[in-house]
N, C-alpha and C. Protein backbone atom coordinates (compact mmCIF):
# COMPACT_ATOMS: atom_id res chain seq x y z
N MET A 1 0.81 -1.21 0.00
CA MET A 1 0.00 0.00 0.00
C MET A 1 0.85 1.26 0.00
N PRO A 2 1.95 1.34 0.76
CA PRO A 2 2.77 2.55 0.71
C PRO A 2 3.33 2.83 -0.69
N ASP A 3 3.66 1.76 -1.46
CA ASP A 3 4.17 1.96 -2.81
C ASP A 3 3.10 2.58 -3.70
N LEU A 4 1.86 2.15 -3.55
CA LEU A 4 0.77 2.72 -4.33
C LEU A 4 0.56 4.18 -3.96
N LEU A 5 0.63 4.48 -2.67
CA LEU A 5 0.48 5.85 -2.23
C LEU A 5 1.63 6.71 -2.74
N ALA A 6 2.84 6.17 -2.76
CA ALA A 6 3.99 6.90 -3.28
C ALA A 6 3.81 7.18 -4.77
N TRP A 7 3.28 6.20 -5.51
CA TRP A 7 3.02 6.40 -6.94
C TRP A 7 1.99 7.49 -7.15
N TRP A 8 0.91 7.47 -6.39
CA TRP A 8 -0.17 8.43 -6.58
C TRP A 8 0.28 9.84 -6.22
N THR A 9 1.05 9.98 -5.17
CA THR A 9 1.48 11.32 -4.74
C THR A 9 2.81 11.72 -5.36
N GLN A 10 3.42 10.85 -6.13
CA GLN A 10 4.68 11.08 -6.82
C GLN A 10 5.83 11.32 -5.84
N ASN A 11 5.77 10.68 -4.69
CA ASN A 11 6.83 10.79 -3.69
C ASN A 11 7.54 9.44 -3.57
N SER A 12 8.41 9.17 -4.48
CA SER A 12 9.13 7.91 -4.48
C SER A 12 10.61 8.19 -4.73
N ALA A 13 11.46 7.34 -4.17
CA ALA A 13 12.91 7.53 -4.32
C ALA A 13 13.38 7.15 -5.73
N SER A 14 12.76 6.16 -6.33
CA SER A 14 13.18 5.70 -7.65
C SER A 14 12.26 6.29 -8.72
N PRO A 15 12.76 6.46 -9.95
CA PRO A 15 11.92 6.98 -11.02
C PRO A 15 10.83 5.97 -11.39
N PRO A 16 9.69 6.44 -11.83
CA PRO A 16 8.59 5.53 -12.20
C PRO A 16 8.97 4.63 -13.37
N LEU A 17 8.25 3.53 -13.48
CA LEU A 17 8.46 2.57 -14.55
C LEU A 17 8.21 3.22 -15.90
N ALA A 18 9.10 3.03 -16.84
CA ALA A 18 8.99 3.53 -18.22
C ALA A 18 8.78 5.04 -18.28
N LEU A 19 9.49 5.76 -17.44
CA LEU A 19 9.34 7.22 -17.38
C LEU A 19 9.64 7.89 -18.71
N ALA A 20 10.70 7.46 -19.38
CA ALA A 20 11.08 8.08 -20.65
C ALA A 20 9.97 7.92 -21.69
N LEU A 21 9.38 6.73 -21.75
CA LEU A 21 8.30 6.49 -22.71
C LEU A 21 7.06 7.29 -22.35
N ARG A 22 6.67 7.25 -21.07
CA ARG A 22 5.45 7.91 -20.62
C ARG A 22 5.52 9.43 -20.69
N SER A 23 6.72 9.98 -20.68
CA SER A 23 6.84 11.43 -20.75
C SER A 23 7.23 11.92 -22.14
N SER A 24 7.23 11.04 -23.11
CA SER A 24 7.56 11.45 -24.47
C SER A 24 6.41 12.23 -25.10
N LYS A 25 6.75 13.10 -26.02
CA LYS A 25 5.74 13.92 -26.70
C LYS A 25 4.73 13.07 -27.44
N ALA A 26 5.21 12.03 -28.12
CA ALA A 26 4.31 11.18 -28.90
C ALA A 26 3.31 10.46 -28.01
N PHE A 27 3.78 9.95 -26.88
CA PHE A 27 2.89 9.22 -25.97
C PHE A 27 1.82 10.14 -25.38
N ILE A 28 2.23 11.33 -24.95
CA ILE A 28 1.28 12.27 -24.36
C ILE A 28 0.30 12.76 -25.41
N LEU A 29 0.77 13.04 -26.62
CA LEU A 29 -0.12 13.46 -27.70
C LEU A 29 -1.13 12.36 -28.02
N THR A 30 -0.67 11.12 -28.08
CA THR A 30 -1.57 10.00 -28.35
C THR A 30 -2.58 9.83 -27.23
N THR A 31 -2.15 9.96 -25.99
CA THR A 31 -3.04 9.81 -24.85
C THR A 31 -4.12 10.89 -24.84
N ILE A 32 -3.74 12.14 -25.05
CA ILE A 32 -4.72 13.23 -25.05
C ILE A 32 -5.66 13.09 -26.23
N SER A 33 -5.13 12.71 -27.39
CA SER A 33 -5.99 12.52 -28.56
C SER A 33 -7.00 11.40 -28.33
N LEU A 34 -6.56 10.32 -27.70
CA LEU A 34 -7.46 9.22 -27.39
C LEU A 34 -8.53 9.64 -26.38
N ALA A 35 -8.13 10.43 -25.38
CA ALA A 35 -9.09 10.92 -24.39
C ALA A 35 -10.14 11.83 -25.04
N VAL A 36 -9.70 12.70 -25.93
CA VAL A 36 -10.63 13.60 -26.62
C VAL A 36 -11.54 12.80 -27.54
N PHE A 37 -10.98 11.82 -28.26
CA PHE A 37 -11.80 10.97 -29.11
C PHE A 37 -12.87 10.24 -28.29
N THR A 38 -12.48 9.70 -27.16
CA THR A 38 -13.43 8.98 -26.31
C THR A 38 -14.54 9.90 -25.83
N ASP A 39 -14.18 11.11 -25.42
CA ASP A 39 -15.19 12.06 -24.96
C ASP A 39 -16.15 12.42 -26.09
N ILE A 40 -15.63 12.75 -27.25
CA ILE A 40 -16.49 13.13 -28.37
C ILE A 40 -17.34 11.95 -28.83
N PHE A 41 -16.77 10.77 -28.84
CA PHE A 41 -17.54 9.58 -29.22
C PHE A 41 -18.71 9.35 -28.26
N LEU A 42 -18.43 9.45 -26.96
CA LEU A 42 -19.49 9.24 -25.98
C LEU A 42 -20.53 10.35 -26.04
N TYR A 43 -20.10 11.56 -26.38
CA TYR A 43 -21.05 12.66 -26.56
C TYR A 43 -21.97 12.38 -27.75
N GLY A 44 -21.38 11.93 -28.85
CA GLY A 44 -22.15 11.74 -30.08
C GLY A 44 -23.01 10.49 -30.10
N VAL A 45 -22.62 9.46 -29.39
CA VAL A 45 -23.37 8.21 -29.43
C VAL A 45 -24.72 8.34 -28.72
N ILE A 46 -24.85 9.36 -27.90
CA ILE A 46 -26.09 9.53 -27.15
C ILE A 46 -27.28 9.80 -28.07
N VAL A 47 -27.05 10.51 -29.17
CA VAL A 47 -28.16 10.93 -30.03
C VAL A 47 -28.89 9.74 -30.65
N PRO A 48 -28.21 8.77 -31.26
CA PRO A 48 -28.96 7.66 -31.82
C PRO A 48 -29.40 6.60 -30.81
N VAL A 49 -28.76 6.55 -29.65
CA VAL A 49 -29.03 5.47 -28.70
C VAL A 49 -30.05 5.86 -27.64
N ILE A 50 -29.98 7.08 -27.15
CA ILE A 50 -30.78 7.46 -25.99
C ILE A 50 -32.29 7.39 -26.22
N PRO A 51 -32.83 7.65 -27.41
CA PRO A 51 -34.29 7.52 -27.55
C PRO A 51 -34.80 6.12 -27.21
N PHE A 52 -34.04 5.11 -27.59
CA PHE A 52 -34.44 3.73 -27.27
C PHE A 52 -34.32 3.45 -25.77
N ALA A 53 -33.25 3.97 -25.16
CA ALA A 53 -33.08 3.79 -23.72
C ALA A 53 -34.18 4.49 -22.95
N LEU A 54 -34.57 5.65 -23.42
CA LEU A 54 -35.62 6.39 -22.71
C LEU A 54 -36.94 5.64 -22.74
N THR A 55 -37.31 5.09 -23.88
CA THR A 55 -38.59 4.39 -23.96
C THR A 55 -38.54 3.02 -23.32
N GLN A 56 -37.45 2.28 -23.49
CA GLN A 56 -37.40 0.91 -23.00
C GLN A 56 -36.96 0.79 -21.55
N ARG A 57 -36.02 1.64 -21.11
CA ARG A 57 -35.50 1.50 -19.75
C ARG A 57 -36.08 2.51 -18.78
N ALA A 58 -36.33 3.73 -19.24
CA ALA A 58 -36.81 4.77 -18.33
C ALA A 58 -38.32 4.98 -18.42
N ALA A 59 -38.99 4.20 -19.23
CA ALA A 59 -40.46 4.24 -19.38
C ALA A 59 -40.98 5.64 -19.73
N VAL A 60 -40.25 6.31 -20.62
CA VAL A 60 -40.70 7.62 -21.11
C VAL A 60 -41.62 7.37 -22.29
N ARG A 61 -42.74 8.09 -22.30
CA ARG A 61 -43.68 7.93 -23.41
C ARG A 61 -43.07 8.49 -24.69
N GLN A 62 -43.46 7.92 -25.80
CA GLN A 62 -42.89 8.27 -27.10
C GLN A 62 -43.00 9.77 -27.40
N GLN A 63 -44.09 10.41 -27.03
CA GLN A 63 -44.26 11.84 -27.32
C GLN A 63 -43.32 12.73 -26.48
N ASN A 64 -42.72 12.20 -25.42
CA ASN A 64 -41.81 12.98 -24.57
C ASN A 64 -40.33 12.68 -24.84
N VAL A 65 -40.04 11.79 -25.76
CA VAL A 65 -38.66 11.38 -26.01
C VAL A 65 -37.82 12.56 -26.51
N GLN A 66 -38.33 13.31 -27.47
CA GLN A 66 -37.55 14.43 -28.01
C GLN A 66 -37.23 15.45 -26.94
N TYR A 67 -38.17 15.72 -26.06
CA TYR A 67 -37.94 16.65 -24.96
C TYR A 67 -36.77 16.17 -24.08
N TRP A 68 -36.79 14.90 -23.70
CA TRP A 68 -35.75 14.39 -22.80
C TRP A 68 -34.40 14.25 -23.50
N VAL A 69 -34.39 13.97 -24.79
CA VAL A 69 -33.13 13.97 -25.54
C VAL A 69 -32.54 15.38 -25.53
N SER A 70 -33.37 16.38 -25.73
CA SER A 70 -32.91 17.77 -25.69
C SER A 70 -32.40 18.15 -24.30
N VAL A 71 -33.09 17.71 -23.27
CA VAL A 71 -32.65 17.99 -21.90
C VAL A 71 -31.30 17.34 -21.65
N LEU A 72 -31.12 16.11 -22.07
CA LEU A 72 -29.86 15.41 -21.85
C LEU A 72 -28.71 16.07 -22.59
N LEU A 73 -28.97 16.57 -23.79
CA LEU A 73 -27.93 17.30 -24.52
C LEU A 73 -27.63 18.63 -23.85
N ALA A 74 -28.65 19.30 -23.36
CA ALA A 74 -28.47 20.61 -22.74
C ALA A 74 -27.73 20.53 -21.40
N VAL A 75 -28.04 19.53 -20.58
CA VAL A 75 -27.37 19.45 -19.28
C VAL A 75 -25.88 19.11 -19.46
N TYR A 76 -25.56 18.35 -20.48
CA TYR A 76 -24.15 18.09 -20.78
C TYR A 76 -23.43 19.40 -21.09
N GLY A 77 -24.01 20.18 -21.99
CA GLY A 77 -23.41 21.46 -22.35
C GLY A 77 -23.31 22.42 -21.18
N ALA A 78 -24.35 22.47 -20.36
CA ALA A 78 -24.34 23.37 -19.20
C ALA A 78 -23.27 22.94 -18.20
N ALA A 79 -23.14 21.65 -17.96
CA ALA A 79 -22.12 21.16 -17.03
C ALA A 79 -20.72 21.44 -17.58
N LEU A 80 -20.54 21.25 -18.86
CA LEU A 80 -19.25 21.52 -19.49
C LEU A 80 -18.92 23.01 -19.40
N LEU A 81 -19.89 23.85 -19.66
CA LEU A 81 -19.69 25.30 -19.59
C LEU A 81 -19.37 25.76 -18.16
N ALA A 82 -20.06 25.21 -17.20
CA ALA A 82 -19.85 25.61 -15.81
C ALA A 82 -18.53 25.08 -15.26
N ALA A 83 -18.13 23.89 -15.65
CA ALA A 83 -16.95 23.26 -15.06
C ALA A 83 -15.65 23.65 -15.75
N SER A 84 -15.69 24.06 -16.99
CA SER A 84 -14.45 24.37 -17.73
C SER A 84 -13.60 25.46 -17.07
N PRO A 85 -14.17 26.61 -16.69
CA PRO A 85 -13.31 27.61 -16.05
C PRO A 85 -12.72 27.14 -14.73
N VAL A 86 -13.50 26.39 -13.97
CA VAL A 86 -13.01 25.87 -12.69
C VAL A 86 -11.88 24.88 -12.93
N CYS A 87 -12.04 24.01 -13.91
CA CYS A 87 -10.99 23.03 -14.22
C CYS A 87 -9.74 23.71 -14.74
N GLY A 88 -9.89 24.74 -15.56
CA GLY A 88 -8.73 25.49 -16.05
C GLY A 88 -7.99 26.17 -14.92
N TRP A 89 -8.73 26.77 -14.01
CA TRP A 89 -8.12 27.42 -12.85
C TRP A 89 -7.38 26.39 -12.00
N ALA A 90 -8.02 25.26 -11.74
CA ALA A 90 -7.41 24.22 -10.92
C ALA A 90 -6.18 23.62 -11.61
N ALA A 91 -6.26 23.44 -12.92
CA ALA A 91 -5.12 22.87 -13.66
C ALA A 91 -3.91 23.79 -13.60
N ASP A 92 -4.14 25.09 -13.65
CA ASP A 92 -3.02 26.04 -13.58
C ASP A 92 -2.38 26.06 -12.21
N ARG A 93 -3.12 25.74 -11.18
CA ARG A 93 -2.59 25.80 -9.83
C ARG A 93 -2.16 24.44 -9.28
N SER A 94 -2.38 23.40 -10.02
CA SER A 94 -2.04 22.06 -9.56
C SER A 94 -0.56 21.79 -9.82
N ALA A 95 0.06 21.04 -8.92
CA ALA A 95 1.48 20.71 -9.05
C ALA A 95 1.71 19.72 -10.20
N SER A 96 0.74 18.87 -10.44
CA SER A 96 0.85 17.86 -11.48
C SER A 96 -0.46 17.82 -12.26
N ARG A 97 -0.37 17.56 -13.52
CA ARG A 97 -1.59 17.44 -14.34
C ARG A 97 -2.07 15.99 -14.40
N ARG A 98 -1.25 15.07 -13.92
CA ARG A 98 -1.59 13.66 -14.01
C ARG A 98 -2.81 13.30 -13.17
N SER A 99 -2.81 13.69 -11.91
CA SER A 99 -3.92 13.31 -11.03
C SER A 99 -5.26 13.87 -11.49
N PRO A 100 -5.36 15.17 -11.83
CA PRO A 100 -6.65 15.65 -12.33
C PRO A 100 -7.10 14.96 -13.62
N LEU A 101 -6.14 14.68 -14.51
CA LEU A 101 -6.50 14.01 -15.76
C LEU A 101 -7.01 12.60 -15.49
N LEU A 102 -6.33 11.87 -14.62
CA LEU A 102 -6.79 10.52 -14.28
C LEU A 102 -8.16 10.54 -13.61
N LEU A 103 -8.37 11.50 -12.72
CA LEU A 103 -9.69 11.62 -12.09
C LEU A 103 -10.77 11.97 -13.11
N GLY A 104 -10.43 12.82 -14.06
CA GLY A 104 -11.38 13.14 -15.13
C GLY A 104 -11.73 11.93 -15.98
N LEU A 105 -10.74 11.13 -16.30
CA LEU A 105 -11.00 9.92 -17.08
C LEU A 105 -11.81 8.90 -16.29
N LEU A 106 -11.53 8.79 -14.99
CA LEU A 106 -12.35 7.89 -14.15
C LEU A 106 -13.79 8.39 -14.07
N ALA A 107 -13.97 9.70 -13.95
CA ALA A 107 -15.33 10.27 -13.93
C ALA A 107 -16.03 10.04 -15.26
N LEU A 108 -15.29 10.12 -16.36
CA LEU A 108 -15.87 9.84 -17.67
C LEU A 108 -16.33 8.38 -17.76
N ALA A 109 -15.52 7.48 -17.22
CA ALA A 109 -15.92 6.07 -17.19
C ALA A 109 -17.15 5.86 -16.30
N ALA A 110 -17.18 6.53 -15.16
CA ALA A 110 -18.34 6.41 -14.26
C ALA A 110 -19.60 6.96 -14.92
N SER A 111 -19.48 8.06 -15.63
CA SER A 111 -20.66 8.61 -16.31
C SER A 111 -21.14 7.67 -17.41
N THR A 112 -20.22 7.03 -18.08
CA THR A 112 -20.60 6.07 -19.12
C THR A 112 -21.34 4.88 -18.52
N VAL A 113 -20.87 4.40 -17.38
CA VAL A 113 -21.55 3.31 -16.69
C VAL A 113 -22.96 3.75 -16.28
N MET A 114 -23.07 4.97 -15.75
CA MET A 114 -24.39 5.47 -15.35
C MET A 114 -25.34 5.52 -16.55
N LEU A 115 -24.84 5.96 -17.69
CA LEU A 115 -25.68 6.03 -18.89
C LEU A 115 -26.03 4.64 -19.42
N CYS A 116 -25.13 3.69 -19.24
CA CYS A 116 -25.38 2.34 -19.73
C CYS A 116 -26.37 1.57 -18.86
N VAL A 117 -26.34 1.78 -17.56
CA VAL A 117 -27.19 1.00 -16.66
C VAL A 117 -28.37 1.79 -16.12
N GLY A 118 -28.39 3.10 -16.37
CA GLY A 118 -29.45 3.94 -15.82
C GLY A 118 -30.82 3.52 -16.34
N ASN A 119 -31.77 3.42 -15.42
CA ASN A 119 -33.12 3.04 -15.81
C ASN A 119 -34.15 4.07 -15.35
N SER A 120 -33.68 5.28 -15.09
CA SER A 120 -34.60 6.36 -14.74
C SER A 120 -34.05 7.67 -15.30
N ILE A 121 -34.92 8.63 -15.45
CA ILE A 121 -34.52 9.93 -15.98
C ILE A 121 -33.47 10.56 -15.07
N GLY A 122 -33.64 10.45 -13.76
CA GLY A 122 -32.70 11.05 -12.82
C GLY A 122 -31.29 10.53 -12.99
N VAL A 123 -31.14 9.22 -13.15
CA VAL A 123 -29.81 8.62 -13.32
C VAL A 123 -29.21 9.05 -14.66
N LEU A 124 -30.03 9.10 -15.70
CA LEU A 124 -29.53 9.52 -17.02
C LEU A 124 -29.09 10.98 -17.01
N VAL A 125 -29.87 11.84 -16.36
CA VAL A 125 -29.49 13.25 -16.27
C VAL A 125 -28.22 13.40 -15.43
N ALA A 126 -28.13 12.68 -14.32
CA ALA A 126 -26.93 12.74 -13.49
C ALA A 126 -25.71 12.22 -14.26
N GLY A 127 -25.90 11.18 -15.06
CA GLY A 127 -24.81 10.66 -15.89
C GLY A 127 -24.34 11.68 -16.91
N ARG A 128 -25.28 12.41 -17.51
CA ARG A 128 -24.89 13.44 -18.48
C ARG A 128 -24.20 14.62 -17.81
N VAL A 129 -24.65 14.99 -16.61
CA VAL A 129 -23.98 16.08 -15.88
C VAL A 129 -22.55 15.65 -15.55
N LEU A 130 -22.39 14.45 -15.04
CA LEU A 130 -21.05 13.95 -14.73
C LEU A 130 -20.20 13.84 -15.99
N GLN A 131 -20.82 13.46 -17.10
CA GLN A 131 -20.09 13.38 -18.36
C GLN A 131 -19.62 14.77 -18.80
N GLY A 132 -20.44 15.80 -18.62
CA GLY A 132 -20.04 17.15 -18.96
C GLY A 132 -18.91 17.66 -18.09
N ILE A 133 -18.99 17.38 -16.80
CA ILE A 133 -17.93 17.81 -15.88
C ILE A 133 -16.63 17.08 -16.19
N SER A 134 -16.71 15.78 -16.42
CA SER A 134 -15.50 15.03 -16.72
C SER A 134 -14.92 15.44 -18.08
N ALA A 135 -15.76 15.80 -19.02
CA ALA A 135 -15.26 16.31 -20.31
C ALA A 135 -14.51 17.61 -20.12
N ALA A 136 -15.00 18.46 -19.23
CA ALA A 136 -14.30 19.71 -18.94
C ALA A 136 -12.92 19.43 -18.38
N VAL A 137 -12.83 18.45 -17.50
CA VAL A 137 -11.53 18.09 -16.92
C VAL A 137 -10.60 17.53 -18.00
N VAL A 138 -11.10 16.61 -18.79
CA VAL A 138 -10.28 15.97 -19.82
C VAL A 138 -9.79 17.01 -20.83
N TRP A 139 -10.67 17.87 -21.27
CA TRP A 139 -10.28 18.88 -22.26
C TRP A 139 -9.30 19.90 -21.69
N THR A 140 -9.63 20.51 -20.57
CA THR A 140 -8.78 21.59 -20.06
C THR A 140 -7.45 21.07 -19.54
N VAL A 141 -7.50 20.05 -18.72
CA VAL A 141 -6.25 19.51 -18.16
C VAL A 141 -5.44 18.82 -19.25
N GLY A 142 -6.12 18.09 -20.12
CA GLY A 142 -5.42 17.39 -21.20
C GLY A 142 -4.71 18.35 -22.14
N LEU A 143 -5.39 19.41 -22.55
CA LEU A 143 -4.76 20.36 -23.46
C LEU A 143 -3.67 21.16 -22.76
N ALA A 144 -3.85 21.46 -21.47
CA ALA A 144 -2.79 22.13 -20.72
C ALA A 144 -1.56 21.23 -20.63
N LEU A 145 -1.76 19.96 -20.38
CA LEU A 145 -0.65 19.01 -20.36
C LEU A 145 0.04 18.94 -21.72
N LEU A 146 -0.75 18.96 -22.76
CA LEU A 146 -0.20 18.92 -24.11
C LEU A 146 0.67 20.15 -24.39
N VAL A 147 0.18 21.31 -24.03
CA VAL A 147 0.96 22.54 -24.24
C VAL A 147 2.23 22.51 -23.41
N ASP A 148 2.15 22.04 -22.17
CA ASP A 148 3.34 21.92 -21.33
C ASP A 148 4.37 20.98 -21.96
N THR A 149 3.90 19.95 -22.62
CA THR A 149 4.80 18.92 -23.15
C THR A 149 5.44 19.33 -24.47
N VAL A 150 4.64 19.81 -25.41
CA VAL A 150 5.18 20.08 -26.74
C VAL A 150 5.82 21.45 -26.86
N GLY A 151 5.47 22.36 -25.99
CA GLY A 151 6.03 23.70 -26.06
C GLY A 151 5.25 24.58 -27.03
N GLN A 152 5.49 25.86 -26.94
CA GLN A 152 4.72 26.82 -27.71
C GLN A 152 5.00 26.72 -29.21
N LYS A 153 6.19 26.32 -29.57
CA LYS A 153 6.57 26.23 -30.98
C LYS A 153 5.77 25.16 -31.73
N ASP A 154 5.49 24.04 -31.07
CA ASP A 154 4.83 22.91 -31.73
C ASP A 154 3.37 22.74 -31.34
N VAL A 155 2.79 23.71 -30.64
CA VAL A 155 1.43 23.54 -30.15
C VAL A 155 0.41 23.49 -31.31
N GLY A 156 0.65 24.21 -32.38
CA GLY A 156 -0.28 24.19 -33.52
C GLY A 156 -0.36 22.81 -34.15
N GLN A 157 0.78 22.18 -34.36
CA GLN A 157 0.80 20.84 -34.94
C GLN A 157 0.14 19.84 -33.99
N ALA A 158 0.44 19.95 -32.70
CA ALA A 158 -0.17 19.04 -31.72
C ALA A 158 -1.68 19.20 -31.69
N MET A 159 -2.15 20.45 -31.73
CA MET A 159 -3.60 20.67 -31.74
C MET A 159 -4.24 20.15 -33.03
N GLY A 160 -3.49 20.16 -34.10
CA GLY A 160 -3.98 19.55 -35.34
C GLY A 160 -4.24 18.06 -35.18
N TRP A 161 -3.33 17.38 -34.49
CA TRP A 161 -3.52 15.95 -34.22
C TRP A 161 -4.71 15.71 -33.30
N VAL A 162 -4.85 16.56 -32.28
CA VAL A 162 -5.99 16.42 -31.37
C VAL A 162 -7.28 16.71 -32.14
N GLY A 163 -7.26 17.72 -33.00
CA GLY A 163 -8.44 18.02 -33.82
C GLY A 163 -8.78 16.86 -34.74
N LEU A 164 -7.79 16.17 -35.24
CA LEU A 164 -8.03 14.99 -36.07
C LEU A 164 -8.73 13.89 -35.28
N SER A 165 -8.40 13.78 -34.01
CA SER A 165 -9.02 12.73 -33.19
C SER A 165 -10.51 13.01 -32.94
N MET A 166 -10.91 14.26 -33.11
CA MET A 166 -12.34 14.57 -32.95
C MET A 166 -13.13 14.04 -34.12
């Protein structure tokens, strides 16, 4: 347990396993691009899938499906809008970008689970709110990490790769 705690808090006497690989520009660019792709994919998959989930799992009547799809899209955007400045502020003041990024990815996974198993409107809305907040973390912290890694000279090319992953 102390070794795990040392890994999480980055207080260890020896360098982490595969440090050179994990801190390379290519690895970090690939990781951030994959995180952005995952977020955008999960955002987009809701549109064709959620109407069926609403009627079959949440017992929403067919005439109310469009309303609830709109609500689910809107709460995601509102959560993303509200959380992005806070995440940017926190990322600038954090000693490491790793922990916030990992927490954001875990929250993204938790929101996906909530959306997959949710059988009520409340759980689906909560899953979308959590998905918006975790997307804010992934985007702001991930892009800040990317800029820190590639430097100002190469940030345009790196953002091109991230844009491609969208």
